[in-house]
Amino acid sequence: MGNKVSNPLPAYDSIAPKISAGDMQLLTERFYGISGGKDSATLEDLQRAARCPPAIREGLVRRIHAMLDARKGGLQIEDYVSAVALTWFGSRPDLVRFLFVLYNERGTGHLNRDELVALLSDAAAATLQAPAATTREHQRAAQPVGDLLQLMADMALAQYATHSDSRLSLNEFTTFVQVEPDVNAVLDMLPALLDAPPPPAGTIPNTAR
């Protein structure tokens, strides 16, 4: 058993005072643009707005919406502001922890092989812009890729996991991310997945924090 890793998303009440009135207005307009004027945004709303390959909309965007929509009543503007604020003001370790929590579906505090393969699959789709395997031809073409992803996951676990049952803790995952460019590409893509506006002028890039 492991300790559940806390979600790094900032609470709305704590982050809102740090956002200028102009930027909050921009975020409000962006949210209602995503939701089509509704007070909550569905998964389909966010998938339509996300600036990413189709395969990412089906995989990673679905995960993001599920995490943010904790109340299961649709993504609220407070949730959206908190997520965008993380990409604006959070450190790189904050984003790594966010990604870890996204894929640690069982909430165990460790990524297992299946969860790591899911992350590597989305990372490959992000960098290669691979099509979703919806047709029989695509499924046949995707099979060797799936085998390769499982091999990559096994290699990562063998190199970085210190547990006998081959799982990655957050610290081990952080070390893995530092040398895995495709996963870093997913981190860099997070603002586009939220259709987030650019950060305020003068904001230090999270890679420098």
N, C-alpha and C. Protein backbone atom coordinates (compact mmCIF):
# COMPACT_ATOMS: atom_id res chain seq x y z
N MET A 1 0.85 -1.20 0.00
CA MET A 1 0.00 0.00 0.00
C MET A 1 0.88 1.24 0.00
N GLY A 2 0.35 2.35 -0.52
CA GLY A 2 1.10 3.59 -0.54
C GLY A 2 0.23 4.72 -0.07
N ASN A 3 0.84 5.87 0.10
CA ASN A 3 0.10 7.04 0.52
C ASN A 3 -0.39 7.78 -0.71
N LYS A 4 -1.67 8.13 -0.71
CA LYS A 4 -2.25 8.82 -1.84
C LYS A 4 -1.58 10.18 -2.02
N VAL A 5 -1.23 10.50 -3.26
CA VAL A 5 -0.58 11.78 -3.57
C VAL A 5 -1.65 12.85 -3.68
N SER A 6 -1.47 13.96 -2.99
CA SER A 6 -2.47 15.02 -2.97
C SER A 6 -2.53 15.72 -4.32
N ASN A 7 -3.72 16.16 -4.66
CA ASN A 7 -3.93 16.89 -5.90
C ASN A 7 -3.30 18.28 -5.78
N PRO A 8 -2.46 18.67 -6.75
CA PRO A 8 -1.78 19.97 -6.64
C PRO A 8 -2.63 21.15 -7.09
N LEU A 9 -3.87 20.92 -7.54
CA LEU A 9 -4.68 22.04 -7.98
C LEU A 9 -4.91 23.03 -6.84
N PRO A 10 -4.66 24.32 -7.09
CA PRO A 10 -4.90 25.30 -6.03
C PRO A 10 -6.39 25.50 -5.80
N ALA A 11 -6.76 25.74 -4.55
CA ALA A 11 -8.16 26.02 -4.24
C ALA A 11 -8.55 27.36 -4.86
N TYR A 12 -9.77 27.43 -5.37
CA TYR A 12 -10.21 28.65 -6.05
C TYR A 12 -10.13 29.86 -5.13
N ASP A 13 -10.57 29.69 -3.89
CA ASP A 13 -10.59 30.82 -2.96
C ASP A 13 -9.18 31.35 -2.67
N SER A 14 -8.18 30.49 -2.78
CA SER A 14 -6.81 30.95 -2.51
C SER A 14 -6.15 31.54 -3.75
N ILE A 15 -6.54 31.08 -4.94
CA ILE A 15 -5.87 31.55 -6.15
C ILE A 15 -6.56 32.76 -6.76
N ALA A 16 -7.88 32.89 -6.57
CA ALA A 16 -8.61 33.98 -7.21
C ALA A 16 -8.07 35.37 -6.86
N PRO A 17 -7.70 35.65 -5.59
CA PRO A 17 -7.17 36.99 -5.28
C PRO A 17 -5.85 37.30 -5.98
N LYS A 18 -5.16 36.29 -6.46
CA LYS A 18 -3.88 36.52 -7.13
C LYS A 18 -4.03 36.80 -8.62
N ILE A 19 -5.25 36.69 -9.13
CA ILE A 19 -5.52 36.90 -10.55
C ILE A 19 -6.15 38.28 -10.72
N SER A 20 -5.60 39.06 -11.62
CA SER A 20 -6.11 40.42 -11.83
C SER A 20 -7.53 40.38 -12.36
N ALA A 21 -8.23 41.51 -12.20
CA ALA A 21 -9.61 41.58 -12.68
C ALA A 21 -9.68 41.35 -14.19
N GLY A 22 -8.70 41.90 -14.91
CA GLY A 22 -8.68 41.72 -16.36
C GLY A 22 -8.48 40.27 -16.75
N ASP A 23 -7.55 39.59 -16.08
CA ASP A 23 -7.29 38.18 -16.38
C ASP A 23 -8.47 37.30 -15.96
N MET A 24 -9.13 37.65 -14.85
CA MET A 24 -10.30 36.88 -14.43
C MET A 24 -11.43 37.03 -15.45
N GLN A 25 -11.57 38.23 -16.00
CA GLN A 25 -12.58 38.44 -17.03
C GLN A 25 -12.25 37.62 -18.27
N LEU A 26 -10.97 37.56 -18.61
CA LEU A 26 -10.54 36.76 -19.76
C LEU A 26 -10.84 35.28 -19.53
N LEU A 27 -10.55 34.79 -18.32
CA LEU A 27 -10.83 33.39 -18.00
C LEU A 27 -12.33 33.10 -18.02
N THR A 28 -13.11 34.04 -17.52
CA THR A 28 -14.57 33.87 -17.51
C THR A 28 -15.10 33.76 -18.93
N GLU A 29 -14.63 34.65 -19.80
CA GLU A 29 -15.07 34.61 -21.20
C GLU A 29 -14.64 33.31 -21.87
N ARG A 30 -13.43 32.86 -21.56
CA ARG A 30 -12.94 31.63 -22.17
C ARG A 30 -13.77 30.43 -21.70
N PHE A 31 -14.08 30.40 -20.39
CA PHE A 31 -14.87 29.29 -19.87
C PHE A 31 -16.24 29.23 -20.53
N TYR A 32 -16.93 30.38 -20.60
CA TYR A 32 -18.27 30.36 -21.19
C TYR A 32 -18.22 30.12 -22.69
N GLY A 33 -17.08 30.43 -23.31
CA GLY A 33 -16.90 30.05 -24.71
C GLY A 33 -16.81 28.54 -24.85
N ILE A 34 -16.11 27.90 -23.92
CA ILE A 34 -15.99 26.44 -23.94
C ILE A 34 -17.33 25.77 -23.66
N SER A 35 -18.05 26.29 -22.67
CA SER A 35 -19.30 25.65 -22.23
C SER A 35 -20.50 26.01 -23.10
N GLY A 36 -20.30 26.93 -24.05
CA GLY A 36 -21.42 27.36 -24.88
C GLY A 36 -22.41 28.22 -24.12
N GLY A 37 -21.89 28.98 -23.15
CA GLY A 37 -22.74 29.89 -22.39
C GLY A 37 -23.39 29.25 -21.18
N LYS A 38 -23.15 27.97 -20.96
CA LYS A 38 -23.74 27.28 -19.80
C LYS A 38 -22.86 27.48 -18.57
N ASP A 39 -23.43 27.23 -17.38
CA ASP A 39 -22.69 27.38 -16.14
C ASP A 39 -21.78 26.21 -15.84
N SER A 40 -21.88 25.15 -16.63
CA SER A 40 -20.99 24.01 -16.47
C SER A 40 -20.61 23.49 -17.85
N ALA A 41 -19.41 22.94 -17.93
CA ALA A 41 -18.90 22.43 -19.21
C ALA A 41 -18.87 20.90 -19.16
N THR A 42 -19.44 20.27 -20.16
CA THR A 42 -19.43 18.82 -20.24
C THR A 42 -18.09 18.33 -20.80
N LEU A 43 -17.89 17.03 -20.74
CA LEU A 43 -16.70 16.45 -21.35
C LEU A 43 -16.64 16.80 -22.83
N GLU A 44 -17.76 16.70 -23.50
CA GLU A 44 -17.79 17.00 -24.94
C GLU A 44 -17.43 18.45 -25.21
N ASP A 45 -17.84 19.37 -24.34
CA ASP A 45 -17.47 20.78 -24.49
C ASP A 45 -15.95 20.94 -24.44
N LEU A 46 -15.32 20.31 -23.44
CA LEU A 46 -13.88 20.46 -23.29
C LEU A 46 -13.14 19.76 -24.43
N GLN A 47 -13.65 18.63 -24.87
CA GLN A 47 -13.02 17.92 -25.98
C GLN A 47 -13.06 18.75 -27.25
N ARG A 48 -14.16 19.43 -27.49
CA ARG A 48 -14.26 20.29 -28.68
C ARG A 48 -13.28 21.46 -28.61
N ALA A 49 -13.09 22.00 -27.41
CA ALA A 49 -12.26 23.20 -27.26
C ALA A 49 -10.77 22.88 -27.22
N ALA A 50 -10.41 21.69 -26.76
CA ALA A 50 -9.00 21.34 -26.57
C ALA A 50 -8.24 21.42 -27.89
N ARG A 51 -7.09 22.07 -27.84
CA ARG A 51 -6.25 22.21 -29.03
C ARG A 51 -5.22 21.06 -29.02
N CYS A 52 -5.61 19.92 -29.60
CA CYS A 52 -4.77 18.73 -29.53
C CYS A 52 -5.23 17.71 -30.56
N PRO A 53 -4.41 16.68 -30.81
CA PRO A 53 -4.82 15.61 -31.73
C PRO A 53 -6.06 14.88 -31.20
N PRO A 54 -6.85 14.28 -32.09
CA PRO A 54 -8.08 13.59 -31.68
C PRO A 54 -7.86 12.52 -30.62
N ALA A 55 -6.77 11.76 -30.73
CA ALA A 55 -6.53 10.69 -29.76
C ALA A 55 -6.35 11.24 -28.35
N ILE A 56 -5.81 12.44 -28.23
CA ILE A 56 -5.62 13.06 -26.92
C ILE A 56 -6.96 13.51 -26.35
N ARG A 57 -7.85 13.97 -27.21
CA ARG A 57 -9.18 14.37 -26.73
C ARG A 57 -9.90 13.20 -26.08
N GLU A 58 -9.70 12.02 -26.66
CA GLU A 58 -10.39 10.84 -26.14
C GLU A 58 -9.75 10.32 -24.86
N GLY A 59 -8.43 10.46 -24.75
CA GLY A 59 -7.72 9.92 -23.60
C GLY A 59 -7.46 10.93 -22.50
N LEU A 60 -6.48 11.79 -22.73
CA LEU A 60 -6.02 12.70 -21.68
C LEU A 60 -7.06 13.74 -21.32
N VAL A 61 -7.76 14.31 -22.30
CA VAL A 61 -8.77 15.32 -21.99
C VAL A 61 -9.89 14.71 -21.15
N ARG A 62 -10.24 13.46 -21.44
CA ARG A 62 -11.25 12.78 -20.63
C ARG A 62 -10.80 12.66 -19.17
N ARG A 63 -9.52 12.35 -18.97
CA ARG A 63 -8.99 12.24 -17.61
C ARG A 63 -9.03 13.58 -16.89
N ILE A 64 -8.65 14.64 -17.61
CA ILE A 64 -8.64 15.97 -17.00
C ILE A 64 -10.04 16.39 -16.59
N HIS A 65 -11.01 16.17 -17.47
CA HIS A 65 -12.38 16.55 -17.14
C HIS A 65 -12.87 15.76 -15.93
N ALA A 66 -12.57 14.47 -15.88
CA ALA A 66 -13.01 13.65 -14.76
C ALA A 66 -12.41 14.13 -13.44
N MET A 67 -11.15 14.56 -13.47
CA MET A 67 -10.52 15.06 -12.25
C MET A 67 -11.14 16.38 -11.81
N LEU A 68 -11.33 17.29 -12.76
CA LEU A 68 -11.84 18.61 -12.41
C LEU A 68 -13.32 18.58 -12.02
N ASP A 69 -14.06 17.66 -12.63
CA ASP A 69 -15.49 17.56 -12.35
C ASP A 69 -15.72 16.62 -11.17
N ALA A 70 -15.15 16.98 -10.04
CA ALA A 70 -15.22 16.10 -8.87
C ALA A 70 -16.65 15.93 -8.37
N ARG A 71 -17.48 16.93 -8.58
CA ARG A 71 -18.87 16.86 -8.11
C ARG A 71 -19.78 16.13 -9.10
N LYS A 72 -19.22 15.81 -10.28
CA LYS A 72 -19.96 15.08 -11.32
C LYS A 72 -21.20 15.82 -11.79
N GLY A 73 -21.13 17.13 -11.73
CA GLY A 73 -22.25 17.92 -12.23
C GLY A 73 -21.84 18.79 -13.40
N GLY A 74 -20.67 18.49 -13.98
CA GLY A 74 -20.14 19.32 -15.05
C GLY A 74 -19.03 20.21 -14.52
N LEU A 75 -18.09 20.54 -15.39
CA LEU A 75 -16.95 21.39 -15.03
C LEU A 75 -17.44 22.81 -14.72
N GLN A 76 -17.14 23.29 -13.52
CA GLN A 76 -17.56 24.62 -13.10
C GLN A 76 -16.45 25.64 -13.37
N ILE A 77 -16.81 26.91 -13.40
CA ILE A 77 -15.82 27.94 -13.70
C ILE A 77 -14.72 27.97 -12.64
N GLU A 78 -15.06 27.68 -11.37
CA GLU A 78 -14.05 27.66 -10.32
C GLU A 78 -13.00 26.58 -10.59
N ASP A 79 -13.49 25.42 -11.07
CA ASP A 79 -12.58 24.32 -11.39
C ASP A 79 -11.67 24.71 -12.55
N TYR A 80 -12.25 25.37 -13.54
CA TYR A 80 -11.48 25.78 -14.72
C TYR A 80 -10.40 26.79 -14.33
N VAL A 81 -10.77 27.78 -13.53
CA VAL A 81 -9.81 28.79 -13.11
C VAL A 81 -8.66 28.15 -12.33
N SER A 82 -8.97 27.22 -11.44
CA SER A 82 -7.93 26.56 -10.66
C SER A 82 -6.97 25.79 -11.55
N ALA A 83 -7.51 25.10 -12.57
CA ALA A 83 -6.66 24.33 -13.47
C ALA A 83 -5.76 25.23 -14.31
N VAL A 84 -6.34 26.29 -14.85
CA VAL A 84 -5.52 27.21 -15.65
C VAL A 84 -4.47 27.88 -14.77
N ALA A 85 -4.85 28.24 -13.54
CA ALA A 85 -3.90 28.87 -12.62
C ALA A 85 -2.72 27.95 -12.35
N LEU A 86 -2.97 26.65 -12.30
CA LEU A 86 -1.86 25.71 -12.11
C LEU A 86 -0.88 25.80 -13.27
N THR A 87 -1.38 25.89 -14.49
CA THR A 87 -0.48 25.99 -15.64
C THR A 87 0.19 27.36 -15.70
N TRP A 88 -0.46 28.38 -15.15
CA TRP A 88 0.13 29.73 -15.15
C TRP A 88 1.20 29.89 -14.07
N PHE A 89 0.84 29.51 -12.86
CA PHE A 89 1.67 29.85 -11.70
C PHE A 89 2.35 28.66 -11.03
N GLY A 90 1.93 27.45 -11.36
CA GLY A 90 2.51 26.28 -10.72
C GLY A 90 3.94 26.02 -11.17
N SER A 91 4.69 25.34 -10.35
CA SER A 91 6.05 24.96 -10.71
C SER A 91 6.02 23.72 -11.59
N ARG A 92 7.16 23.39 -12.17
CA ARG A 92 7.23 22.16 -12.96
C ARG A 92 6.92 20.93 -12.09
N PRO A 93 7.46 20.85 -10.86
CA PRO A 93 7.07 19.72 -10.01
C PRO A 93 5.57 19.66 -9.74
N ASP A 94 4.89 20.81 -9.66
CA ASP A 94 3.44 20.81 -9.48
C ASP A 94 2.75 20.14 -10.67
N LEU A 95 3.22 20.45 -11.88
CA LEU A 95 2.63 19.86 -13.08
C LEU A 95 2.91 18.36 -13.16
N VAL A 96 4.12 17.97 -12.75
CA VAL A 96 4.45 16.54 -12.73
C VAL A 96 3.52 15.82 -11.76
N ARG A 97 3.28 16.41 -10.59
CA ARG A 97 2.39 15.79 -9.61
C ARG A 97 0.96 15.72 -10.15
N PHE A 98 0.54 16.75 -10.85
CA PHE A 98 -0.79 16.76 -11.46
C PHE A 98 -0.92 15.59 -12.45
N LEU A 99 0.11 15.39 -13.27
CA LEU A 99 0.09 14.30 -14.24
C LEU A 99 0.07 12.95 -13.54
N PHE A 100 0.85 12.84 -12.47
CA PHE A 100 0.88 11.60 -11.69
C PHE A 100 -0.51 11.26 -11.16
N VAL A 101 -1.18 12.24 -10.57
CA VAL A 101 -2.51 12.01 -10.00
C VAL A 101 -3.51 11.66 -11.10
N LEU A 102 -3.37 12.28 -12.27
CA LEU A 102 -4.27 11.99 -13.38
C LEU A 102 -4.26 10.50 -13.75
N TYR A 103 -3.07 9.92 -13.73
CA TYR A 103 -2.95 8.53 -14.20
C TYR A 103 -2.97 7.51 -13.07
N ASN A 104 -2.84 7.96 -11.83
CA ASN A 104 -2.91 7.03 -10.70
C ASN A 104 -4.38 6.82 -10.34
N GLU A 105 -5.08 6.15 -11.24
CA GLU A 105 -6.54 6.02 -11.12
C GLU A 105 -6.96 5.32 -9.84
N ARG A 106 -6.16 4.42 -9.35
CA ARG A 106 -6.52 3.68 -8.15
C ARG A 106 -6.21 4.46 -6.87
N GLY A 107 -5.53 5.58 -7.01
CA GLY A 107 -5.23 6.40 -5.85
C GLY A 107 -4.32 5.74 -4.84
N THR A 108 -3.41 4.88 -5.31
CA THR A 108 -2.55 4.13 -4.41
C THR A 108 -1.29 4.88 -4.01
N GLY A 109 -0.97 5.96 -4.72
CA GLY A 109 0.29 6.66 -4.47
C GLY A 109 1.45 6.07 -5.25
N HIS A 110 1.17 5.09 -6.11
CA HIS A 110 2.19 4.49 -6.98
C HIS A 110 1.55 4.20 -8.34
N LEU A 111 2.29 4.44 -9.41
CA LEU A 111 1.82 4.09 -10.74
C LEU A 111 2.18 2.64 -11.04
N ASN A 112 1.19 1.86 -11.43
CA ASN A 112 1.49 0.48 -11.81
C ASN A 112 1.74 0.41 -13.32
N ARG A 113 1.97 -0.78 -13.81
CA ARG A 113 2.33 -0.95 -15.22
C ARG A 113 1.23 -0.46 -16.15
N ASP A 114 -0.02 -0.83 -15.87
CA ASP A 114 -1.12 -0.43 -16.74
C ASP A 114 -1.28 1.08 -16.78
N GLU A 115 -1.13 1.73 -15.64
CA GLU A 115 -1.26 3.19 -15.59
C GLU A 115 -0.11 3.86 -16.35
N LEU A 116 1.09 3.29 -16.25
CA LEU A 116 2.23 3.85 -16.96
C LEU A 116 2.07 3.65 -18.47
N VAL A 117 1.57 2.50 -18.88
CA VAL A 117 1.32 2.27 -20.31
C VAL A 117 0.30 3.27 -20.83
N ALA A 118 -0.74 3.55 -20.06
CA ALA A 118 -1.75 4.53 -20.47
C ALA A 118 -1.13 5.91 -20.67
N LEU A 119 -0.25 6.30 -19.77
CA LEU A 119 0.43 7.59 -19.91
C LEU A 119 1.32 7.60 -21.15
N LEU A 120 2.10 6.56 -21.34
CA LEU A 120 3.00 6.50 -22.49
C LEU A 120 2.21 6.49 -23.80
N SER A 121 1.04 5.86 -23.80
CA SER A 121 0.20 5.85 -24.98
C SER A 121 -0.28 7.25 -25.33
N ASP A 122 -0.73 8.01 -24.32
CA ASP A 122 -1.16 9.38 -24.56
C ASP A 122 0.02 10.26 -24.96
N ALA A 123 1.18 10.02 -24.37
CA ALA A 123 2.37 10.79 -24.72
C ALA A 123 2.76 10.54 -26.17
N ALA A 124 2.66 9.29 -26.61
CA ALA A 124 2.97 8.97 -28.00
C ALA A 124 1.98 9.65 -28.95
N ALA A 125 0.70 9.65 -28.58
CA ALA A 125 -0.31 10.31 -29.40
C ALA A 125 -0.07 11.81 -29.46
N ALA A 126 0.42 12.38 -28.36
CA ALA A 126 0.68 13.81 -28.32
C ALA A 126 1.84 14.20 -29.22
N THR A 127 2.88 13.40 -29.23
CA THR A 127 4.08 13.76 -29.97
C THR A 127 4.04 13.29 -31.42
N LEU A 128 3.39 12.15 -31.66
CA LEU A 128 3.33 11.61 -33.02
C LEU A 128 2.03 11.98 -33.72
N GLN A 129 1.07 12.55 -32.95
CA GLN A 129 -0.26 12.86 -33.46
C GLN A 129 -0.86 11.62 -34.11
N ALA A 130 -0.77 10.50 -33.38
CA ALA A 130 -1.27 9.24 -33.90
C ALA A 130 -2.80 9.25 -33.95
N PRO A 131 -3.40 8.66 -35.00
CA PRO A 131 -4.87 8.59 -35.07
C PRO A 131 -5.40 7.59 -34.06
N ALA A 132 -6.62 7.82 -33.62
CA ALA A 132 -7.26 6.85 -32.74
C ALA A 132 -7.50 5.55 -33.52
N ALA A 133 -7.30 4.42 -32.85
CA ALA A 133 -7.42 3.13 -33.52
C ALA A 133 -8.89 2.72 -33.60
N THR A 134 -9.60 3.33 -34.55
CA THR A 134 -11.04 3.08 -34.65
C THR A 134 -11.37 2.09 -35.75
N THR A 135 -10.54 2.00 -36.78
CA THR A 135 -10.81 1.07 -37.86
C THR A 135 -9.95 -0.18 -37.69
N ARG A 136 -10.32 -1.24 -38.42
CA ARG A 136 -9.56 -2.48 -38.31
C ARG A 136 -8.12 -2.27 -38.78
N GLU A 137 -7.95 -1.44 -39.83
CA GLU A 137 -6.59 -1.18 -40.32
C GLU A 137 -5.77 -0.44 -39.27
N HIS A 138 -6.39 0.55 -38.62
CA HIS A 138 -5.69 1.31 -37.60
C HIS A 138 -5.35 0.40 -36.41
N GLN A 139 -6.27 -0.48 -36.07
CA GLN A 139 -6.03 -1.37 -34.95
C GLN A 139 -4.84 -2.29 -35.23
N ARG A 140 -4.77 -2.79 -36.47
CA ARG A 140 -3.62 -3.64 -36.82
C ARG A 140 -2.33 -2.85 -36.77
N ALA A 141 -2.38 -1.60 -37.27
CA ALA A 141 -1.17 -0.77 -37.26
C ALA A 141 -0.77 -0.39 -35.84
N ALA A 142 -1.77 -0.26 -34.94
CA ALA A 142 -1.48 0.17 -33.58
C ALA A 142 -0.91 -0.94 -32.73
N GLN A 143 -1.11 -2.20 -33.14
CA GLN A 143 -0.67 -3.31 -32.31
C GLN A 143 0.83 -3.29 -32.03
N PRO A 144 1.70 -3.11 -33.06
CA PRO A 144 3.14 -3.03 -32.75
C PRO A 144 3.48 -1.86 -31.83
N VAL A 145 2.75 -0.75 -31.98
CA VAL A 145 2.98 0.40 -31.11
C VAL A 145 2.63 0.05 -29.67
N GLY A 146 1.52 -0.66 -29.50
CA GLY A 146 1.13 -1.07 -28.15
C GLY A 146 2.16 -1.98 -27.52
N ASP A 147 2.70 -2.89 -28.31
CA ASP A 147 3.75 -3.77 -27.80
C ASP A 147 4.98 -2.96 -27.37
N LEU A 148 5.31 -1.95 -28.17
CA LEU A 148 6.47 -1.11 -27.86
C LEU A 148 6.24 -0.32 -26.57
N LEU A 149 5.02 0.20 -26.40
CA LEU A 149 4.71 0.96 -25.19
C LEU A 149 4.81 0.09 -23.94
N GLN A 150 4.35 -1.15 -24.05
CA GLN A 150 4.46 -2.06 -22.91
C GLN A 150 5.92 -2.37 -22.60
N LEU A 151 6.72 -2.51 -23.64
CA LEU A 151 8.15 -2.73 -23.44
C LEU A 151 8.79 -1.51 -22.78
N MET A 152 8.41 -0.30 -23.22
CA MET A 152 8.95 0.92 -22.62
C MET A 152 8.56 1.03 -21.16
N ALA A 153 7.32 0.66 -20.84
CA ALA A 153 6.87 0.70 -19.45
C ALA A 153 7.67 -0.28 -18.61
N ASP A 154 7.90 -1.48 -19.13
CA ASP A 154 8.68 -2.49 -18.39
C ASP A 154 10.10 -1.99 -18.15
N MET A 155 10.69 -1.34 -19.16
CA MET A 155 12.06 -0.83 -19.03
C MET A 155 12.11 0.29 -17.98
N ALA A 156 11.10 1.18 -18.01
CA ALA A 156 11.06 2.28 -17.03
C ALA A 156 10.91 1.74 -15.62
N LEU A 157 10.05 0.76 -15.44
CA LEU A 157 9.85 0.18 -14.11
C LEU A 157 11.12 -0.52 -13.64
N ALA A 158 11.78 -1.22 -14.56
CA ALA A 158 13.01 -1.92 -14.18
C ALA A 158 14.11 -0.94 -13.78
N GLN A 159 14.13 0.23 -14.41
CA GLN A 159 15.21 1.19 -14.15
C GLN A 159 14.91 2.08 -12.95
N TYR A 160 13.64 2.48 -12.77
CA TYR A 160 13.34 3.52 -11.78
C TYR A 160 12.59 3.03 -10.55
N ALA A 161 11.88 1.93 -10.65
CA ALA A 161 11.08 1.46 -9.51
C ALA A 161 11.96 0.73 -8.51
N THR A 162 11.81 1.07 -7.25
CA THR A 162 12.57 0.39 -6.20
C THR A 162 11.72 -0.62 -5.44
N HIS A 163 10.40 -0.65 -5.76
CA HIS A 163 9.51 -1.59 -5.10
C HIS A 163 9.58 -2.95 -5.79
N SER A 164 9.47 -3.99 -5.03
CA SER A 164 9.55 -5.34 -5.59
C SER A 164 8.38 -5.65 -6.51
N ASP A 165 7.26 -4.93 -6.35
CA ASP A 165 6.10 -5.18 -7.21
C ASP A 165 6.06 -4.23 -8.40
N SER A 166 7.17 -3.57 -8.70
CA SER A 166 7.33 -2.77 -9.92
C SER A 166 6.26 -1.69 -10.05
N ARG A 167 6.33 -0.71 -9.16
CA ARG A 167 5.46 0.45 -9.22
C ARG A 167 6.33 1.69 -9.05
N LEU A 168 5.87 2.82 -9.59
CA LEU A 168 6.61 4.07 -9.47
C LEU A 168 5.97 4.97 -8.42
N SER A 169 6.76 5.39 -7.45
CA SER A 169 6.31 6.41 -6.52
C SER A 169 6.38 7.76 -7.22
N LEU A 170 5.87 8.80 -6.58
CA LEU A 170 5.93 10.13 -7.18
C LEU A 170 7.38 10.55 -7.41
N ASN A 171 8.27 10.31 -6.44
CA ASN A 171 9.67 10.68 -6.62
C ASN A 171 10.31 9.92 -7.77
N GLU A 172 10.00 8.63 -7.87
CA GLU A 172 10.55 7.83 -8.97
C GLU A 172 9.98 8.28 -10.31
N PHE A 173 8.70 8.61 -10.31
CA PHE A 173 8.06 9.11 -11.52
C PHE A 173 8.69 10.43 -11.95
N THR A 174 8.98 11.30 -11.00
CA THR A 174 9.61 12.58 -11.30
C THR A 174 10.97 12.37 -11.97
N THR A 175 11.74 11.42 -11.48
CA THR A 175 13.04 11.11 -12.09
C THR A 175 12.84 10.60 -13.51
N PHE A 176 11.84 9.76 -13.70
CA PHE A 176 11.54 9.23 -15.03
C PHE A 176 11.16 10.34 -15.99
N VAL A 177 10.32 11.27 -15.56
CA VAL A 177 9.86 12.36 -16.42
C VAL A 177 11.03 13.22 -16.88
N GLN A 178 12.01 13.40 -16.02
CA GLN A 178 13.15 14.26 -16.36
C GLN A 178 13.91 13.79 -17.59
N VAL A 179 13.82 12.50 -17.89
CA VAL A 179 14.59 11.96 -19.03
C VAL A 179 13.68 11.46 -20.15
N GLU A 180 12.37 11.69 -20.02
CA GLU A 180 11.43 11.18 -21.02
C GLU A 180 10.80 12.36 -21.77
N PRO A 181 11.30 12.69 -22.95
CA PRO A 181 10.82 13.88 -23.66
C PRO A 181 9.34 13.83 -24.04
N ASP A 182 8.82 12.65 -24.35
CA ASP A 182 7.41 12.57 -24.75
C ASP A 182 6.49 12.95 -23.59
N VAL A 183 6.84 12.56 -22.37
CA VAL A 183 6.02 12.92 -21.22
C VAL A 183 6.12 14.42 -20.95
N ASN A 184 7.30 14.98 -21.15
CA ASN A 184 7.43 16.43 -21.01
C ASN A 184 6.59 17.17 -22.03
N ALA A 185 6.43 16.57 -23.21
CA ALA A 185 5.57 17.17 -24.23
C ALA A 185 4.12 17.23 -23.75
N VAL A 186 3.70 16.22 -23.00
CA VAL A 186 2.34 16.23 -22.43
C VAL A 186 2.20 17.37 -21.43
N LEU A 187 3.21 17.56 -20.58
CA LEU A 187 3.17 18.65 -19.61
C LEU A 187 3.05 20.00 -20.32
N ASP A 188 3.81 20.16 -21.39
CA ASP A 188 3.78 21.42 -22.13
C ASP A 188 2.45 21.63 -22.84
N MET A 189 1.72 20.54 -23.09
CA MET A 189 0.45 20.61 -23.81
C MET A 189 -0.73 20.94 -22.90
N LEU A 190 -0.56 20.87 -21.58
CA LEU A 190 -1.68 21.05 -20.66
C LEU A 190 -2.48 22.34 -20.90
N PRO A 191 -1.82 23.50 -21.09
CA PRO A 191 -2.63 24.70 -21.34
C PRO A 191 -3.52 24.58 -22.58
N ALA A 192 -3.00 23.95 -23.65
CA ALA A 192 -3.80 23.79 -24.87
C ALA A 192 -4.98 22.86 -24.64
N LEU A 193 -4.81 21.85 -23.77
CA LEU A 193 -5.90 20.92 -23.49
C LEU A 193 -7.05 21.62 -22.77
N LEU A 194 -6.73 22.69 -22.05
CA LEU A 194 -7.74 23.48 -21.34
C LEU A 194 -8.21 24.67 -22.19
N ASP A 195 -7.65 24.80 -23.39
CA ASP A 195 -7.90 25.99 -24.21
C ASP A 195 -7.63 27.25 -23.40
N ALA A 196 -6.54 27.21 -22.63
CA ALA A 196 -6.22 28.31 -21.71
C ALA A 196 -5.64 29.49 -22.47
N PRO A 197 -5.97 30.71 -22.05
CA PRO A 197 -5.32 31.89 -22.62
C PRO A 197 -3.87 31.96 -22.16
N PRO A 198 -3.05 32.77 -22.83
CA PRO A 198 -1.64 32.90 -22.40
C PRO A 198 -1.56 33.42 -20.97
N PRO A 199 -0.49 33.07 -20.25
CA PRO A 199 -0.34 33.56 -18.87
C PRO A 199 -0.14 35.07 -18.84
N PRO A 200 -0.39 35.69 -17.70
CA PRO A 200 -0.18 37.14 -17.59
C PRO A 200 1.25 37.53 -17.95
N ALA A 201 1.40 38.72 -18.45
CA ALA A 201 2.72 39.22 -18.81
C ALA A 201 3.64 39.20 -17.60
N GLY A 202 4.86 38.76 -17.81
CA GLY A 202 5.83 38.72 -16.73
C GLY A 202 5.82 37.45 -15.92
N THR A 203 4.91 36.52 -16.23
CA THR A 203 4.86 35.26 -15.48
C THR A 203 6.09 34.42 -15.82
N ILE A 204 6.75 33.92 -14.80
CA ILE A 204 7.95 33.10 -15.00
C ILE A 204 7.51 31.73 -15.53
N PRO A 205 8.11 31.23 -16.62
CA PRO A 205 7.75 29.91 -17.13
C PRO A 205 7.93 28.82 -16.06
N ASN A 206 7.02 27.85 -16.05
CA ASN A 206 7.09 26.83 -14.99
C ASN A 206 8.35 26.00 -15.08
N THR A 207 8.99 25.95 -16.26
CA THR A 207 10.23 25.22 -16.39
C THR A 207 11.36 25.86 -15.57
N ALA A 208 11.17 27.14 -15.20
CA ALA A 208 12.19 27.85 -14.43
C ALA A 208 11.84 27.89 -12.95
N ARG A 209 10.71 27.27 -12.57
CA ARG A 209 10.31 27.30 -11.16
C ARG A 209 10.51 25.96 -10.50
